[in-house]
Amino acid sequence: MTAGRQATEIRTLYCLYCTGVAKAEIARRLRIGRTSVRRILSQPVPQKMMTLVAGR
């Protein structure tokens, strides 16, 4: 997976989570493991990412 695609998926993940979509549903939509979703969401969110998520 390229870094660009990975960054897009992570932005999508945060946007979905912020709108109330369940972690299991996010995993299904992005075709990644539920553990990966939990691991990504447990990490501190970079300020730049928050700006991108808030702008959607």
PDB file of N, CA and C in Angstrom:
ATOM      1  N   MET A   1       0.847  -1.178   0.000  1.00  0.00           N
ATOM      2  CA  MET A   1       0.000   0.000   0.000  1.00  0.00           C
ATOM      3  C   MET A   1       0.893   1.243   0.000  1.00  0.00           C
ATOM      4  N   THR A   2       0.527   2.218  -0.799  1.00  0.00           N
ATOM      5  CA  THR A   2       1.318   3.440  -0.858  1.00  0.00           C
ATOM      6  C   THR A   2       1.005   4.334   0.337  1.00  0.00           C
ATOM      7  N   ALA A   3       1.919   5.226   0.629  1.00  0.00           N
ATOM      8  CA  ALA A   3       1.730   6.141   1.756  1.00  0.00           C
ATOM      9  C   ALA A   3       0.522   7.039   1.523  1.00  0.00           C
ATOM     10  N   GLY A   4       0.306   7.453   0.282  1.00  0.00           N
ATOM     11  CA  GLY A   4      -0.840   8.311  -0.031  1.00  0.00           C
ATOM     12  C   GLY A   4      -2.159   7.622   0.212  1.00  0.00           C
ATOM     13  N   ARG A   5      -2.249   6.375  -0.212  1.00  0.00           N
ATOM     14  CA  ARG A   5      -3.486   5.631   0.002  1.00  0.00           C
ATOM     15  C   ARG A   5      -3.704   5.374   1.486  1.00  0.00           C
ATOM     16  N   GLN A   6      -2.637   5.058   2.196  1.00  0.00           N
ATOM     17  CA  GLN A   6      -2.738   4.811   3.629  1.00  0.00           C
ATOM     18  C   GLN A   6      -3.204   6.078   4.346  1.00  0.00           C
ATOM     19  N   ALA A   7      -2.665   7.229   3.975  1.00  0.00           N
ATOM     20  CA  ALA A   7      -3.067   8.488   4.606  1.00  0.00           C
ATOM     21  C   ALA A   7      -4.539   8.775   4.338  1.00  0.00           C
ATOM     22  N   THR A   8      -4.990   8.502   3.126  1.00  0.00           N
ATOM     23  CA  THR A   8      -6.394   8.710   2.786  1.00  0.00           C
ATOM     24  C   THR A   8      -7.289   7.807   3.626  1.00  0.00           C
ATOM     25  N   GLU A   9      -6.891   6.550   3.790  1.00  0.00           N
ATOM     26  CA  GLU A   9      -7.687   5.630   4.587  1.00  0.00           C
ATOM     27  C   GLU A   9      -7.735   6.048   6.052  1.00  0.00           C
ATOM     28  N   ILE A  10      -6.630   6.546   6.573  1.00  0.00           N
ATOM     29  CA  ILE A  10      -6.609   6.969   7.976  1.00  0.00           C
ATOM     30  C   ILE A  10      -7.492   8.198   8.170  1.00  0.00           C
ATOM     31  N   ARG A  11      -7.456   9.132   7.229  1.00  0.00           N
ATOM     32  CA  ARG A  11      -8.349  10.299   7.316  1.00  0.00           C
ATOM     33  C   ARG A  11      -9.808   9.838   7.288  1.00  0.00           C
ATOM     34  N   THR A  12     -10.101   8.896   6.393  1.00  0.00           N
ATOM     35  CA  THR A  12     -11.458   8.365   6.295  1.00  0.00           C
ATOM     36  C   THR A  12     -11.859   7.698   7.600  1.00  0.00           C
ATOM     37  N   LEU A  13     -10.939   6.938   8.174  1.00  0.00           N
ATOM     38  CA  LEU A  13     -11.187   6.244   9.431  1.00  0.00           C
ATOM     39  C   LEU A  13     -11.573   7.237  10.522  1.00  0.00           C
ATOM     40  N   TYR A  14     -10.802   8.289  10.682  1.00  0.00           N
ATOM     41  CA  TYR A  14     -11.100   9.290  11.711  1.00  0.00           C
ATOM     42  C   TYR A  14     -12.435   9.973  11.441  1.00  0.00           C
ATOM     43  N   CYS A  15     -12.715  10.278  10.182  1.00  0.00           N
ATOM     44  CA  CYS A  15     -13.981  10.936   9.850  1.00  0.00           C
ATOM     45  C   CYS A  15     -15.162  10.043  10.183  1.00  0.00           C
ATOM     46  N   LEU A  16     -15.053   8.765   9.833  1.00  0.00           N
ATOM     47  CA  LEU A  16     -16.134   7.831  10.138  1.00  0.00           C
ATOM     48  C   LEU A  16     -16.328   7.708  11.641  1.00  0.00           C
ATOM     49  N   TYR A  17     -15.236   7.580  12.368  1.00  0.00           N
ATOM     50  CA  TYR A  17     -15.314   7.408  13.826  1.00  0.00           C
ATOM     51  C   TYR A  17     -15.935   8.643  14.483  1.00  0.00           C
ATOM     52  N   CYS A  18     -15.557   9.818  14.003  1.00  0.00           N
ATOM     53  CA  CYS A  18     -16.091  11.058  14.585  1.00  0.00           C
ATOM     54  C   CYS A  18     -17.588  11.210  14.332  1.00  0.00           C
ATOM     55  N   THR A  19     -18.094  10.568  13.282  1.00  0.00           N
ATOM     56  CA  THR A  19     -19.522  10.661  12.986  1.00  0.00           C
ATOM     57  C   THR A  19     -20.320   9.544  13.633  1.00  0.00           C
ATOM     58  N   GLY A  20     -19.655   8.699  14.441  1.00  0.00           N
ATOM     59  CA  GLY A  20     -20.368   7.690  15.210  1.00  0.00           C
ATOM     60  C   GLY A  20     -20.418   6.301  14.600  1.00  0.00           C
ATOM     61  N   VAL A  21     -19.679   6.047  13.529  1.00  0.00           N
ATOM     62  CA  VAL A  21     -19.659   4.716  12.918  1.00  0.00           C
ATOM     63  C   VAL A  21     -18.841   3.787  13.810  1.00  0.00           C
ATOM     64  N   ALA A  22     -19.348   2.574  14.023  1.00  0.00           N
ATOM     65  CA  ALA A  22     -18.685   1.599  14.879  1.00  0.00           C
ATOM     66  C   ALA A  22     -17.342   1.170  14.284  1.00  0.00           C
ATOM     67  N   LYS A  23     -16.421   0.809  15.166  1.00  0.00           N
ATOM     68  CA  LYS A  23     -15.089   0.383  14.726  1.00  0.00           C
ATOM     69  C   LYS A  23     -15.158  -0.837  13.808  1.00  0.00           C
ATOM     70  N   ALA A  24     -16.038  -1.774  14.111  1.00  0.00           N
ATOM     71  CA  ALA A  24     -16.181  -2.965  13.264  1.00  0.00           C
ATOM     72  C   ALA A  24     -16.671  -2.588  11.873  1.00  0.00           C
ATOM     73  N   GLU A  25     -17.589  -1.638  11.796  1.00  0.00           N
ATOM     74  CA  GLU A  25     -18.088  -1.186  10.498  1.00  0.00           C
ATOM     75  C   GLU A  25     -17.001  -0.458   9.715  1.00  0.00           C
ATOM     76  N   ILE A  26     -16.186   0.342  10.394  1.00  0.00           N
ATOM     77  CA  ILE A  26     -15.060   1.022   9.740  1.00  0.00           C
ATOM     78  C   ILE A  26     -14.115  -0.013   9.143  1.00  0.00           C
ATOM     79  N   ALA A  27     -13.823  -1.058   9.904  1.00  0.00           N
ATOM     80  CA  ALA A  27     -12.935  -2.117   9.427  1.00  0.00           C
ATOM     81  C   ALA A  27     -13.504  -2.771   8.168  1.00  0.00           C
ATOM     82  N   ARG A  28     -14.796  -3.031   8.161  1.00  0.00           N
ATOM     83  CA  ARG A  28     -15.420  -3.638   6.973  1.00  0.00           C
ATOM     84  C   ARG A  28     -15.340  -2.706   5.771  1.00  0.00           C
ATOM     85  N   ARG A  29     -15.658  -1.446   5.983  1.00  0.00           N
ATOM     86  CA  ARG A  29     -15.652  -0.492   4.863  1.00  0.00           C
ATOM     87  C   ARG A  29     -14.265  -0.304   4.260  1.00  0.00           C
ATOM     88  N   LEU A  30     -13.254  -0.255   5.120  1.00  0.00           N
ATOM     89  CA  LEU A  30     -11.887  -0.021   4.644  1.00  0.00           C
ATOM     90  C   LEU A  30     -11.139  -1.316   4.330  1.00  0.00           C
ATOM     91  N   ARG A  31     -11.789  -2.442   4.616  1.00  0.00           N
ATOM     92  CA  ARG A  31     -11.190  -3.758   4.387  1.00  0.00           C
ATOM     93  C   ARG A  31      -9.854  -3.914   5.102  1.00  0.00           C
ATOM     94  N   ILE A  32      -9.875  -3.519   6.388  1.00  0.00           N
ATOM     95  CA  ILE A  32      -8.717  -3.717   7.254  1.00  0.00           C
ATOM     96  C   ILE A  32      -9.211  -4.402   8.515  1.00  0.00           C
ATOM     97  N   GLY A  33      -8.311  -4.917   9.320  1.00  0.00           N
ATOM     98  CA  GLY A  33      -8.687  -5.622  10.534  1.00  0.00           C
ATOM     99  C   GLY A  33      -9.230  -4.691  11.604  1.00  0.00           C
ATOM    100  N   ARG A  34     -10.109  -5.249  12.447  1.00  0.00           N
ATOM    101  CA  ARG A  34     -10.655  -4.455  13.557  1.00  0.00           C
ATOM    102  C   ARG A  34      -9.565  -4.015  14.515  1.00  0.00           C
ATOM    103  N   THR A  35      -8.579  -4.885  14.709  1.00  0.00           N
ATOM    104  CA  THR A  35      -7.466  -4.531  15.594  1.00  0.00           C
ATOM    105  C   THR A  35      -6.702  -3.344  15.035  1.00  0.00           C
ATOM    106  N   SER A  36      -6.542  -3.280  13.722  1.00  0.00           N
ATOM    107  CA  SER A  36      -5.853  -2.141  13.098  1.00  0.00           C
ATOM    108  C   SER A  36      -6.621  -0.846  13.342  1.00  0.00           C
ATOM    109  N   VAL A  37      -7.933  -0.922  13.246  1.00  0.00           N
ATOM    110  CA  VAL A  37      -8.756   0.268  13.502  1.00  0.00           C
ATOM    111  C   VAL A  37      -8.557   0.734  14.936  1.00  0.00           C
ATOM    112  N   ARG A  38      -8.622  -0.198  15.882  1.00  0.00           N
ATOM    113  CA  ARG A  38      -8.440   0.164  17.298  1.00  0.00           C
ATOM    114  C   ARG A  38      -7.052   0.734  17.549  1.00  0.00           C
ATOM    115  N   ARG A  39      -6.034   0.129  16.928  1.00  0.00           N
ATOM    116  CA  ARG A  39      -4.656   0.585  17.126  1.00  0.00           C
ATOM    117  C   ARG A  39      -4.479   2.005  16.595  1.00  0.00           C
ATOM    118  N   ILE A  40      -5.013   2.269  15.411  1.00  0.00           N
ATOM    119  CA  ILE A  40      -4.876   3.606  14.808  1.00  0.00           C
ATOM    120  C   ILE A  40      -5.605   4.644  15.666  1.00  0.00           C
ATOM    121  N   LEU A  41      -6.818   4.306  16.098  1.00  0.00           N
ATOM    122  CA  LEU A  41      -7.597   5.267  16.889  1.00  0.00           C
ATOM    123  C   LEU A  41      -7.021   5.498  18.279  1.00  0.00           C
ATOM    124  N   SER A  42      -6.243   4.549  18.794  1.00  0.00           N
ATOM    125  CA  SER A  42      -5.665   4.723  20.125  1.00  0.00           C
ATOM    126  C   SER A  42      -4.433   5.627  20.119  1.00  0.00           C
ATOM    127  N   GLN A  43      -3.871   5.862  18.936  1.00  0.00           N
ATOM    128  CA  GLN A  43      -2.694   6.723  18.833  1.00  0.00           C
ATOM    129  C   GLN A  43      -3.124   8.179  18.898  1.00  0.00           C
ATOM    130  N   PRO A  44      -2.247   9.043  19.426  1.00  0.00           N
ATOM    131  CA  PRO A  44      -2.574  10.476  19.443  1.00  0.00           C
ATOM    132  C   PRO A  44      -2.787  10.992  18.017  1.00  0.00           C
ATOM    133  N   VAL A  45      -3.769  11.838  17.857  1.00  0.00           N
ATOM    134  CA  VAL A  45      -4.080  12.385  16.538  1.00  0.00           C
ATOM    135  C   VAL A  45      -3.207  13.610  16.290  1.00  0.00           C
ATOM    136  N   PRO A  46      -2.428  13.605  15.198  1.00  0.00           N
ATOM    137  CA  PRO A  46      -1.611  14.781  14.892  1.00  0.00           C
ATOM    138  C   PRO A  46      -2.496  16.006  14.639  1.00  0.00           C
ATOM    139  N   GLN A  47      -2.019  17.167  14.998  1.00  0.00           N
ATOM    140  CA  GLN A  47      -2.785  18.404  14.827  1.00  0.00           C
ATOM    141  C   GLN A  47      -3.190  18.609  13.375  1.00  0.00           C
ATOM    142  N   LYS A  48      -2.298  18.284  12.458  1.00  0.00           N
ATOM    143  CA  LYS A  48      -2.608  18.435  11.029  1.00  0.00           C
ATOM    144  C   LYS A  48      -3.793  17.560  10.647  1.00  0.00           C
ATOM    145  N   MET A  49      -3.847  16.343  11.192  1.00  0.00           N
ATOM    146  CA  MET A  49      -4.954  15.433  10.899  1.00  0.00           C
ATOM    147  C   MET A  49      -6.258  16.007  11.427  1.00  0.00           C
ATOM    148  N   MET A  50      -6.253  16.592  12.601  1.00  0.00           N
ATOM    149  CA  MET A  50      -7.470  17.160  13.180  1.00  0.00           C
ATOM    150  C   MET A  50      -7.985  18.289  12.314  1.00  0.00           C
ATOM    151  N   THR A  51      -7.095  19.073  11.736  1.00  0.00           N
ATOM    152  CA  THR A  51      -7.498  20.152  10.848  1.00  0.00           C
ATOM    153  C   THR A  51      -8.181  19.590   9.612  1.00  0.00           C
ATOM    154  N   LEU A  52      -7.632  18.506   9.057  1.00  0.00           N
ATOM    155  CA  LEU A  52      -8.216  17.893   7.872  1.00  0.00           C
ATOM    156  C   LEU A  52      -9.563  17.269   8.185  1.00  0.00           C
ATOM    157  N   VAL A  53      -9.676  16.613   9.333  1.00  0.00           N
ATOM    158  CA  VAL A  53     -10.937  15.974   9.714  1.00  0.00           C
ATOM    159  C   VAL A  53     -12.003  17.013   9.987  1.00  0.00           C
ATOM    160  N   ALA A  54     -11.646  18.086  10.663  1.00  0.00           N
ATOM    161  CA  ALA A  54     -12.610  19.131  11.009  1.00  0.00           C
ATOM    162  C   ALA A  54     -13.108  19.856   9.755  1.00  0.00           C
ATOM    163  N   GLY A  55     -12.275  19.889   8.719  1.00  0.00           N
ATOM    164  CA  GLY A  55     -12.653  20.594   7.490  1.00  0.00           C
ATOM    165  C   GLY A  55     -13.628  19.851   6.623  1.00  0.00           C
ATOM    166  N   ARG A  56     -13.884  18.580   6.895  1.00  0.00           N
ATOM    167  CA  ARG A  56     -14.797  17.776   6.061  1.00  0.00           C
ATOM    168  C   ARG A  56     -16.221  18.083   6.334  1.00  0.00           C
TER     169      ARG A  56
END
